[in-house]
PDB file of N, CA and C in Angstrom:
ATOM      1  N   UNK A   1       6.256  20.040   2.838  1.00  0.00           N
ATOM      2  CA  UNK A   1       6.851  19.079   3.743  1.00  0.00           C
ATOM      3  C   UNK A   1       7.275  17.862   2.929  1.00  0.00           C
ATOM      4  N   UNK A   2       8.561  17.630   2.850  1.00  0.00           N
ATOM      5  CA  UNK A   2       9.072  16.461   2.142  1.00  0.00           C
ATOM      6  C   UNK A   2       9.308  15.336   3.129  1.00  0.00           C
ATOM      7  N   UNK A   3       8.948  14.130   2.688  1.00  0.00           N
ATOM      8  CA  UNK A   3       9.150  12.961   3.532  1.00  0.00           C
ATOM      9  C   UNK A   3       9.922  11.899   2.764  1.00  0.00           C
ATOM     10  N   UNK A   4      10.670  11.107   3.500  1.00  0.00           N
ATOM     11  CA  UNK A   4      11.349   9.936   2.936  1.00  0.00           C
ATOM     12  C   UNK A   4      10.554   8.724   3.383  1.00  0.00           C
ATOM     13  N   UNK A   5      10.230   7.866   2.433  1.00  0.00           N
ATOM     14  CA  UNK A   5       9.316   6.754   2.686  1.00  0.00           C
ATOM     15  C   UNK A   5      10.034   5.412   2.609  1.00  0.00           C
ATOM     16  N   UNK A   6       9.701   4.551   3.555  1.00  0.00           N
ATOM     17  CA  UNK A   6      10.114   3.158   3.515  1.00  0.00           C
ATOM     18  C   UNK A   6       8.847   2.372   3.196  1.00  0.00           C
ATOM     19  N   UNK A   7       8.743   1.939   1.956  1.00  0.00           N
ATOM     20  CA  UNK A   7       7.549   1.239   1.483  1.00  0.00           C
ATOM     21  C   UNK A   7       7.542  -0.211   1.953  1.00  0.00           C
ATOM     22  N   UNK A   8       6.371  -0.806   1.966  1.00  0.00           N
ATOM     23  CA  UNK A   8       6.211  -2.233   2.265  1.00  0.00           C
ATOM     24  C   UNK A   8       6.308  -3.014   0.957  1.00  0.00           C
ATOM     25  N   UNK A   9       7.522  -3.321   0.550  1.00  0.00           N
ATOM     26  CA  UNK A   9       7.729  -4.149  -0.627  1.00  0.00           C
ATOM     27  C   UNK A   9       7.864  -5.595  -0.179  1.00  0.00           C
ATOM     28  N   UNK A  10       7.582  -6.513  -1.081  1.00  0.00           N
ATOM     29  CA  UNK A  10       7.730  -7.935  -0.784  1.00  0.00           C
ATOM     30  C   UNK A  10       9.181  -8.331  -1.075  1.00  0.00           C
ATOM     31  N   UNK A  11      10.070  -7.881  -0.192  1.00  0.00           N
ATOM     32  CA  UNK A  11      11.495  -8.170  -0.319  1.00  0.00           C
ATOM     33  C   UNK A  11      11.919  -9.052   0.846  1.00  0.00           C
ATOM     34  N   UNK A  12      13.039  -9.777   0.697  1.00  0.00           N
ATOM     35  CA  UNK A  12      13.518 -10.577   1.829  1.00  0.00           C
ATOM     36  C   UNK A  12      13.760  -9.691   3.059  1.00  0.00           C
ATOM     37  N   UNK A  13      13.503 -10.240   4.226  1.00  0.00           N
ATOM     38  CA  UNK A  13      13.638  -9.473   5.462  1.00  0.00           C
ATOM     39  C   UNK A  13      15.055  -8.978   5.712  1.00  0.00           C
ATOM     40  N   UNK A  14      16.036  -9.685   5.190  1.00  0.00           N
ATOM     41  CA  UNK A  14      17.424  -9.320   5.468  1.00  0.00           C
ATOM     42  C   UNK A  14      18.000  -8.304   4.482  1.00  0.00           C
ATOM     43  N   UNK A  15      17.178  -7.781   3.569  1.00  0.00           N
ATOM     44  CA  UNK A  15      17.710  -6.814   2.614  1.00  0.00           C
ATOM     45  C   UNK A  15      17.868  -5.450   3.288  1.00  0.00           C
ATOM     46  N   UNK A  16      18.857  -4.700   2.838  1.00  0.00           N
ATOM     47  CA  UNK A  16      19.145  -3.407   3.449  1.00  0.00           C
ATOM     48  C   UNK A  16      18.366  -2.291   2.758  1.00  0.00           C
ATOM     49  N   UNK A  17      18.507  -1.087   3.276  1.00  0.00           N
ATOM     50  CA  UNK A  17      17.772   0.057   2.738  1.00  0.00           C
ATOM     51  C   UNK A  17      18.200   0.357   1.306  1.00  0.00           C
ATOM     52  N   UNK A  18      19.445   0.055   0.967  1.00  0.00           N
ATOM     53  CA  UNK A  18      19.908   0.245  -0.412  1.00  0.00           C
ATOM     54  C   UNK A  18      19.123  -0.625  -1.382  1.00  0.00           C
ATOM     55  N   UNK A  19      18.863  -1.880  -1.005  1.00  0.00           N
ATOM     56  CA  UNK A  19      18.074  -2.778  -1.849  1.00  0.00           C
ATOM     57  C   UNK A  19      16.650  -2.258  -1.978  1.00  0.00           C
ATOM     58  N   UNK A  20      16.104  -1.733  -0.878  1.00  0.00           N
ATOM     59  CA  UNK A  20      14.763  -1.148  -0.896  1.00  0.00           C
ATOM     60  C   UNK A  20      14.708   0.013  -1.883  1.00  0.00           C
ATOM     61  N   UNK A  21      15.685   0.904  -1.796  1.00  0.00           N
ATOM     62  CA  UNK A  21      15.699   2.092  -2.653  1.00  0.00           C
ATOM     63  C   UNK A  21      15.893   1.727  -4.122  1.00  0.00           C
ATOM     64  N   UNK A  22      16.749   0.750  -4.397  1.00  0.00           N
ATOM     65  CA  UNK A  22      16.939   0.299  -5.791  1.00  0.00           C
ATOM     66  C   UNK A  22      15.660  -0.316  -6.340  1.00  0.00           C
ATOM     67  N   UNK A  23      14.974  -1.106  -5.522  1.00  0.00           N
ATOM     68  CA  UNK A  23      13.710  -1.712  -5.944  1.00  0.00           C
ATOM     69  C   UNK A  23      12.676  -0.628  -6.247  1.00  0.00           C
ATOM     70  N   UNK A  24      12.603   0.359  -5.374  1.00  0.00           N
ATOM     71  CA  UNK A  24      11.657   1.460  -5.588  1.00  0.00           C
ATOM     72  C   UNK A  24      11.949   2.164  -6.910  1.00  0.00           C
ATOM     73  N   UNK A  25      13.198   2.497  -7.132  1.00  0.00           N
ATOM     74  CA  UNK A  25      13.577   3.196  -8.367  1.00  0.00           C
ATOM     75  C   UNK A  25      13.269   2.344  -9.601  1.00  0.00           C
ATOM     76  N   UNK A  26      13.592   1.069  -9.537  1.00  0.00           N
ATOM     77  CA  UNK A  26      13.355   0.172 -10.677  1.00  0.00           C
ATOM     78  C   UNK A  26      11.868   0.026 -10.989  1.00  0.00           C
ATOM     79  N   UNK A  27      11.020   0.252  -9.991  1.00  0.00           N
ATOM     80  CA  UNK A  27       9.585   0.098 -10.177  1.00  0.00           C
ATOM     81  C   UNK A  27       8.824   1.420 -10.228  1.00  0.00           C
ATOM     82  N   UNK A  28       9.572   2.519 -10.335  1.00  0.00           N
ATOM     83  CA  UNK A  28       8.944   3.824 -10.491  1.00  0.00           C
ATOM     84  C   UNK A  28       8.220   4.341  -9.266  1.00  0.00           C
ATOM     85  N   UNK A  29       8.648   3.901  -8.091  1.00  0.00           N
ATOM     86  CA  UNK A  29       8.022   4.328  -6.843  1.00  0.00           C
ATOM     87  C   UNK A  29       8.981   5.298  -6.146  1.00  0.00           C
ATOM     88  N   UNK A  30       8.550   6.511  -5.865  1.00  0.00           N
ATOM     89  CA  UNK A  30       9.460   7.475  -5.245  1.00  0.00           C
ATOM     90  C   UNK A  30       9.733   7.144  -3.779  1.00  0.00           C
ATOM     91  N   UNK A  31      10.924   7.484  -3.328  1.00  0.00           N
ATOM     92  CA  UNK A  31      11.211   7.325  -1.906  1.00  0.00           C
ATOM     93  C   UNK A  31      11.167   8.674  -1.192  1.00  0.00           C
ATOM     94  N   UNK A  32      11.171   9.757  -1.957  1.00  0.00           N
ATOM     95  CA  UNK A  32      10.997  11.092  -1.389  1.00  0.00           C
ATOM     96  C   UNK A  32       9.789  11.729  -2.069  1.00  0.00           C
ATOM     97  N   UNK A  33       8.855  12.201  -1.248  1.00  0.00           N
ATOM     98  CA  UNK A  33       7.616  12.786  -1.755  1.00  0.00           C
ATOM     99  C   UNK A  33       7.384  14.118  -1.050  1.00  0.00           C
ATOM    100  N   UNK A  34       6.998  15.125  -1.817  1.00  0.00           N
ATOM    101  CA  UNK A  34       6.609  16.406  -1.241  1.00  0.00           C
ATOM    102  C   UNK A  34       5.110  16.334  -0.961  1.00  0.00           C
ATOM    103  N   UNK A  35       4.754  16.235   0.299  1.00  0.00           N
ATOM    104  CA  UNK A  35       3.353  16.074   0.675  1.00  0.00           C
ATOM    105  C   UNK A  35       2.536  17.333   0.398  1.00  0.00           C
ATOM    106  N   UNK A  36       3.190  18.466   0.186  1.00  0.00           N
ATOM    107  CA  UNK A  36       2.472  19.694  -0.177  1.00  0.00           C
ATOM    108  C   UNK A  36       1.786  19.539  -1.539  1.00  0.00           C
ATOM    109  N   UNK A  37       2.274  18.596  -2.339  1.00  0.00           N
ATOM    110  CA  UNK A  37       1.641  18.317  -3.630  1.00  0.00           C
ATOM    111  C   UNK A  37       0.365  17.493  -3.483  1.00  0.00           C
ATOM    112  N   UNK A  38       0.148  16.922  -2.304  1.00  0.00           N
ATOM    113  CA  UNK A  38      -0.958  15.987  -2.121  1.00  0.00           C
ATOM    114  C   UNK A  38      -1.951  16.369  -1.029  1.00  0.00           C
ATOM    115  N   UNK A  39      -1.526  17.233  -0.111  1.00  0.00           N
ATOM    116  CA  UNK A  39      -2.394  17.653   0.987  1.00  0.00           C
ATOM    117  C   UNK A  39      -2.297  19.169   1.156  1.00  0.00           C
ATOM    118  N   UNK A  40      -3.403  19.825   1.474  1.00  0.00           N
ATOM    119  CA  UNK A  40      -3.366  21.278   1.632  1.00  0.00           C
ATOM    120  C   UNK A  40      -2.552  21.725   2.853  1.00  0.00           C
ATOM    121  N   UNK A  41      -2.528  20.922   3.899  1.00  0.00           N
ATOM    122  CA  UNK A  41      -1.787  21.267   5.117  1.00  0.00           C
ATOM    123  C   UNK A  41      -1.156  20.001   5.700  1.00  0.00           C
ATOM    124  N   UNK A  42      -0.100  19.498   5.066  1.00  0.00           N
ATOM    125  CA  UNK A  42       0.457  18.216   5.497  1.00  0.00           C
ATOM    126  C   UNK A  42       1.020  18.215   6.917  1.00  0.00           C
ATOM    127  N   UNK A  43       1.459  19.370   7.401  1.00  0.00           N
ATOM    128  CA  UNK A  43       2.019  19.430   8.756  1.00  0.00           C
ATOM    129  C   UNK A  43       0.988  19.076   9.813  1.00  0.00           C
ATOM    130  N   UNK A  44      -0.281  19.318   9.523  1.00  0.00           N
ATOM    131  CA  UNK A  44      -1.327  19.010  10.502  1.00  0.00           C
ATOM    132  C   UNK A  44      -2.055  17.699  10.193  1.00  0.00           C
ATOM    133  N   UNK A  45      -1.614  16.986   9.174  1.00  0.00           N
ATOM    134  CA  UNK A  45      -2.250  15.710   8.818  1.00  0.00           C
ATOM    135  C   UNK A  45      -1.810  14.615   9.784  1.00  0.00           C
ATOM    136  N   UNK A  46      -2.686  13.661   9.996  1.00  0.00           N
ATOM    137  CA  UNK A  46      -2.343  12.511  10.835  1.00  0.00           C
ATOM    138  C   UNK A  46      -1.523  11.517  10.020  1.00  0.00           C
ATOM    139  N   UNK A  47      -0.875  10.601  10.730  1.00  0.00           N
ATOM    140  CA  UNK A  47      -0.122   9.554  10.034  1.00  0.00           C
ATOM    141  C   UNK A  47      -1.048   8.737   9.137  1.00  0.00           C
ATOM    142  N   UNK A  48      -2.268   8.487   9.631  1.00  0.00           N
ATOM    143  CA  UNK A  48      -3.239   7.731   8.839  1.00  0.00           C
ATOM    144  C   UNK A  48      -3.597   8.473   7.549  1.00  0.00           C
ATOM    145  N   UNK A  49      -3.799   9.774   7.627  1.00  0.00           N
ATOM    146  CA  UNK A  49      -4.129  10.557   6.430  1.00  0.00           C
ATOM    147  C   UNK A  49      -2.981  10.520   5.420  1.00  0.00           C
ATOM    148  N   UNK A  50      -1.759  10.654   5.905  1.00  0.00           N
ATOM    149  CA  UNK A  50      -0.603  10.618   5.009  1.00  0.00           C
ATOM    150  C   UNK A  50      -0.490   9.246   4.356  1.00  0.00           C
ATOM    151  N   UNK A  51      -0.636   8.190   5.145  1.00  0.00           N
ATOM    152  CA  UNK A  51      -0.568   6.835   4.596  1.00  0.00           C
ATOM    153  C   UNK A  51      -1.663   6.602   3.561  1.00  0.00           C
ATOM    154  N   UNK A  52      -2.858   7.109   3.826  1.00  0.00           N
ATOM    155  CA  UNK A  52      -3.979   6.924   2.889  1.00  0.00           C
ATOM    156  C   UNK A  52      -3.724   7.657   1.574  1.00  0.00           C
ATOM    157  N   UNK A  53      -3.210   8.874   1.658  1.00  0.00           N
ATOM    158  CA  UNK A  53      -2.916   9.640   0.448  1.00  0.00           C
ATOM    159  C   UNK A  53      -1.847   8.927  -0.376  1.00  0.00           C
ATOM    160  N   UNK A  54      -0.808   8.446   0.293  1.00  0.00           N
ATOM    161  CA  UNK A  54       0.267   7.752  -0.425  1.00  0.00           C
ATOM    162  C   UNK A  54      -0.245   6.461  -1.059  1.00  0.00           C
ATOM    163  N   UNK A  55      -1.097   5.732  -0.345  1.00  0.00           N
ATOM    164  CA  UNK A  55      -1.659   4.512  -0.917  1.00  0.00           C
ATOM    165  C   UNK A  55      -2.518   4.835  -2.138  1.00  0.00           C
ATOM    166  N   UNK A  56      -3.354   5.855  -2.034  1.00  0.00           N
ATOM    167  CA  UNK A  56      -4.210   6.237  -3.157  1.00  0.00           C
ATOM    168  C   UNK A  56      -3.386   6.656  -4.374  1.00  0.00           C
ATOM    169  N   UNK A  57      -2.298   7.370  -4.133  1.00  0.00           N
ATOM    170  CA  UNK A  57      -1.477   7.885  -5.227  1.00  0.00           C
ATOM    171  C   UNK A  57      -0.591   6.806  -5.850  1.00  0.00           C
ATOM    172  N   UNK A  58       0.034   5.963  -5.012  1.00  0.00           N
ATOM    173  CA  UNK A  58       1.039   5.022  -5.506  1.00  0.00           C
ATOM    174  C   UNK A  58       0.633   3.555  -5.392  1.00  0.00           C
ATOM    175  N   UNK A  59      -0.553   3.301  -4.837  1.00  0.00           N
ATOM    176  CA  UNK A  59      -1.073   1.939  -4.690  1.00  0.00           C
ATOM    177  C   UNK A  59      -0.085   1.027  -3.960  1.00  0.00           C
ATOM    178  N   UNK A  60       0.543   1.591  -2.934  1.00  0.00           N
ATOM    179  CA  UNK A  60       1.515   0.854  -2.126  1.00  0.00           C
ATOM    180  C   UNK A  60       1.302   1.203  -0.657  1.00  0.00           C
ATOM    181  N   UNK A  61       1.500   0.230   0.204  1.00  0.00           N
ATOM    182  CA  UNK A  61       1.468   0.470   1.640  1.00  0.00           C
ATOM    183  C   UNK A  61       2.830   0.980   2.082  1.00  0.00           C
ATOM    184  N   UNK A  62       2.837   1.759   3.158  1.00  0.00           N
ATOM    185  CA  UNK A  62       4.112   2.241   3.670  1.00  0.00           C
ATOM    186  C   UNK A  62       4.445   1.528   4.972  1.00  0.00           C
ATOM    187  N   UNK A  63       5.721   1.314   5.167  1.00  0.00           N
ATOM    188  CA  UNK A  63       6.211   0.745   6.425  1.00  0.00           C
ATOM    189  C   UNK A  63       6.379   1.869   7.423  1.00  0.00           C
ATOM    190  N   UNK A  64       7.082   2.918   7.015  1.00  0.00           N
ATOM    191  CA  UNK A  64       7.195   4.125   7.819  1.00  0.00           C
ATOM    192  C   UNK A  64       7.714   5.269   6.957  1.00  0.00           C
ATOM    193  N   UNK A  65       7.777   6.438   7.553  1.00  0.00           N
ATOM    194  CA  UNK A  65       8.274   7.609   6.836  1.00  0.00           C
ATOM    195  C   UNK A  65       8.817   8.604   7.844  1.00  0.00           C
ATOM    196  N   UNK A  66       9.650   9.514   7.345  1.00  0.00           N
ATOM    197  CA  UNK A  66      10.211  10.553   8.195  1.00  0.00           C
ATOM    198  C   UNK A  66      10.272  11.864   7.415  1.00  0.00           C
ATOM    199  N   UNK A  67      10.097  12.947   8.111  1.00  0.00           N
ATOM    200  CA  UNK A  67      10.206  14.264   7.497  1.00  0.00           C
ATOM    201  C   UNK A  67      11.680  14.554   7.255  1.00  0.00           C
ATOM    202  N   UNK A  68      11.978  15.068   6.070  1.00  0.00           N
ATOM    203  CA  UNK A  68      13.373  15.443   5.778  1.00  0.00           C
ATOM    204  C   UNK A  68      13.490  16.936   5.562  1.00  0.00           C
TER     205      UNK A  68
END
């Protein structure tokens, strides 16, 4: 299960998703993650479990995410 992530970066509120994605790339933070690499059954994981795994792996909070 691949997801696209909108991370909680300390960026100005008026910045667009392009600025978010450029910031992520410049700082080595992925915006697309295959959760199968991190959870045995990501389809049945809760949002909290997914957020916790991503925080543990990338030391970043997420704003939201969507399955792609």
